[in-house]
């Protein structure tokens, strides 16, 4: 199933889309769909990464371990 929408684009962006779709012989809607798919996939990945960081931080705090400063790590690793 598909839904048709209307999108207003700045002239420069439309020209880029138009030129590219002509060059590649693909419909403009193909590139708009691909751009949206990529955008939302990236946002979902960022959301998952954020959840992982929050979970890791909670685990670290619950462990009562202490961290090391950047300087301490550099010294320990001989950097």
C-alpha atoms as a PDB file:
ATOM      1  CA  UNK A   1       0.000   0.000   0.000  1.00  0.00           C
ATOM      2  CA  UNK A   2       1.228   3.518  -0.748  1.00  0.00           C
ATOM      3  CA  UNK A   3       0.169   6.959   0.346  1.00  0.00           C
ATOM      4  CA  UNK A   4       0.781  10.024  -1.767  1.00  0.00           C
ATOM      5  CA  UNK A   5       2.068  13.153  -0.052  1.00  0.00           C
ATOM      6  CA  UNK A   6       3.024  16.610  -1.150  1.00  0.00           C
ATOM      7  CA  UNK A   7       6.432  17.977  -0.181  1.00  0.00           C
ATOM      8  CA  UNK A   8       7.763  21.481  -0.551  1.00  0.00           C
ATOM      9  CA  UNK A   9      11.506  21.602  -1.258  1.00  0.00           C
ATOM     10  CA  UNK A  10      13.889  24.523  -1.548  1.00  0.00           C
ATOM     11  CA  UNK A  11      14.698  25.196  -5.216  1.00  0.00           C
ATOM     12  CA  UNK A  12      18.327  24.124  -4.851  1.00  0.00           C
ATOM     13  CA  UNK A  13      17.406  20.803  -3.264  1.00  0.00           C
ATOM     14  CA  UNK A  14      14.741  20.153  -5.889  1.00  0.00           C
ATOM     15  CA  UNK A  15      17.249  20.866  -8.672  1.00  0.00           C
ATOM     16  CA  UNK A  16      19.703  18.394  -7.147  1.00  0.00           C
ATOM     17  CA  UNK A  17      16.950  15.772  -6.907  1.00  0.00           C
ATOM     18  CA  UNK A  18      15.753  16.475 -10.434  1.00  0.00           C
ATOM     19  CA  UNK A  19      19.252  16.386 -11.949  1.00  0.00           C
ATOM     20  CA  UNK A  20      20.199  13.211 -10.139  1.00  0.00           C
ATOM     21  CA  UNK A  21      16.980  11.387 -10.978  1.00  0.00           C
ATOM     22  CA  UNK A  22      17.399  12.267 -14.663  1.00  0.00           C
ATOM     23  CA  UNK A  23      21.038  11.173 -14.652  1.00  0.00           C
ATOM     24  CA  UNK A  24      20.254   7.861 -12.958  1.00  0.00           C
ATOM     25  CA  UNK A  25      16.936   7.366 -14.778  1.00  0.00           C
ATOM     26  CA  UNK A  26      15.019   6.833 -11.541  1.00  0.00           C
ATOM     27  CA  UNK A  27      11.881   8.465 -10.209  1.00  0.00           C
ATOM     28  CA  UNK A  28      12.271  11.322  -7.744  1.00  0.00           C
ATOM     29  CA  UNK A  29      10.064   9.399  -5.331  1.00  0.00           C
ATOM     30  CA  UNK A  30      12.658   6.593  -5.255  1.00  0.00           C
ATOM     31  CA  UNK A  31      15.307   8.949  -3.865  1.00  0.00           C
ATOM     32  CA  UNK A  32      12.900  10.580  -1.438  1.00  0.00           C
ATOM     33  CA  UNK A  33      11.893   7.138  -0.109  1.00  0.00           C
ATOM     34  CA  UNK A  34      15.533   6.055   0.187  1.00  0.00           C
ATOM     35  CA  UNK A  35      16.457   9.272   1.997  1.00  0.00           C
ATOM     36  CA  UNK A  36      13.619   8.807   4.500  1.00  0.00           C
ATOM     37  CA  UNK A  37      14.485   5.132   5.030  1.00  0.00           C
ATOM     38  CA  UNK A  38      18.124   6.027   5.712  1.00  0.00           C
ATOM     39  CA  UNK A  39      17.174   8.917   7.996  1.00  0.00           C
ATOM     40  CA  UNK A  40      14.840   6.817  10.133  1.00  0.00           C
ATOM     41  CA  UNK A  41      17.248   3.854  10.233  1.00  0.00           C
ATOM     42  CA  UNK A  42      19.970   6.193  11.525  1.00  0.00           C
ATOM     43  CA  UNK A  43      17.649   7.728  14.123  1.00  0.00           C
ATOM     44  CA  UNK A  44      16.603   4.266  15.353  1.00  0.00           C
ATOM     45  CA  UNK A  45      20.257   3.229  15.596  1.00  0.00           C
ATOM     46  CA  UNK A  46      21.069   6.386  17.582  1.00  0.00           C
ATOM     47  CA  UNK A  47      18.131   5.636  19.881  1.00  0.00           C
ATOM     48  CA  UNK A  48      19.390   2.073  20.457  1.00  0.00           C
ATOM     49  CA  UNK A  49      22.925   3.375  21.099  1.00  0.00           C
ATOM     50  CA  UNK A  50      21.560   5.838  23.661  1.00  0.00           C
ATOM     51  CA  UNK A  51      19.634   3.075  25.438  1.00  0.00           C
ATOM     52  CA  UNK A  52      22.819   0.956  25.526  1.00  0.00           C
ATOM     53  CA  UNK A  53      24.773   3.839  27.067  1.00  0.00           C
ATOM     54  CA  UNK A  54      22.102   4.448  29.713  1.00  0.00           C
ATOM     55  CA  UNK A  55      22.012   0.736  30.539  1.00  0.00           C
ATOM     56  CA  UNK A  56      25.819   0.519  30.736  1.00  0.00           C
ATOM     57  CA  UNK A  57      25.976   3.562  32.990  1.00  0.00           C
ATOM     58  CA  UNK A  58      23.350   2.084  35.310  1.00  0.00           C
ATOM     59  CA  UNK A  59      25.297  -1.198  35.466  1.00  0.00           C
ATOM     60  CA  UNK A  60      28.530   0.679  36.214  1.00  0.00           C
ATOM     61  CA  UNK A  61      26.923   2.708  38.989  1.00  0.00           C
ATOM     62  CA  UNK A  62      25.355  -0.433  40.498  1.00  0.00           C
ATOM     63  CA  UNK A  63      28.735  -2.201  40.515  1.00  0.00           C
ATOM     64  CA  UNK A  64      30.212   0.417  42.889  1.00  0.00           C
ATOM     65  CA  UNK A  65      33.410   0.313  40.826  1.00  0.00           C
ATOM     66  CA  UNK A  66      35.437   3.454  40.403  1.00  0.00           C
ATOM     67  CA  UNK A  67      36.465   4.842  37.077  1.00  0.00           C
ATOM     68  CA  UNK A  68      39.758   6.273  35.912  1.00  0.00           C
ATOM     69  CA  UNK A  69      40.494   9.667  34.485  1.00  0.00           C
ATOM     70  CA  UNK A  70      41.805  10.044  30.953  1.00  0.00           C
ATOM     71  CA  UNK A  71      45.172  11.028  32.376  1.00  0.00           C
ATOM     72  CA  UNK A  72      45.280   7.905  34.567  1.00  0.00           C
ATOM     73  CA  UNK A  73      44.529   5.706  31.570  1.00  0.00           C
ATOM     74  CA  UNK A  74      47.204   7.384  29.469  1.00  0.00           C
ATOM     75  CA  UNK A  75      49.768   6.895  32.226  1.00  0.00           C
ATOM     76  CA  UNK A  76      48.744   3.275  32.770  1.00  0.00           C
ATOM     77  CA  UNK A  77      49.003   2.538  29.035  1.00  0.00           C
ATOM     78  CA  UNK A  78      52.229   4.480  28.612  1.00  0.00           C
ATOM     79  CA  UNK A  79      50.780   6.969  26.174  1.00  0.00           C
END
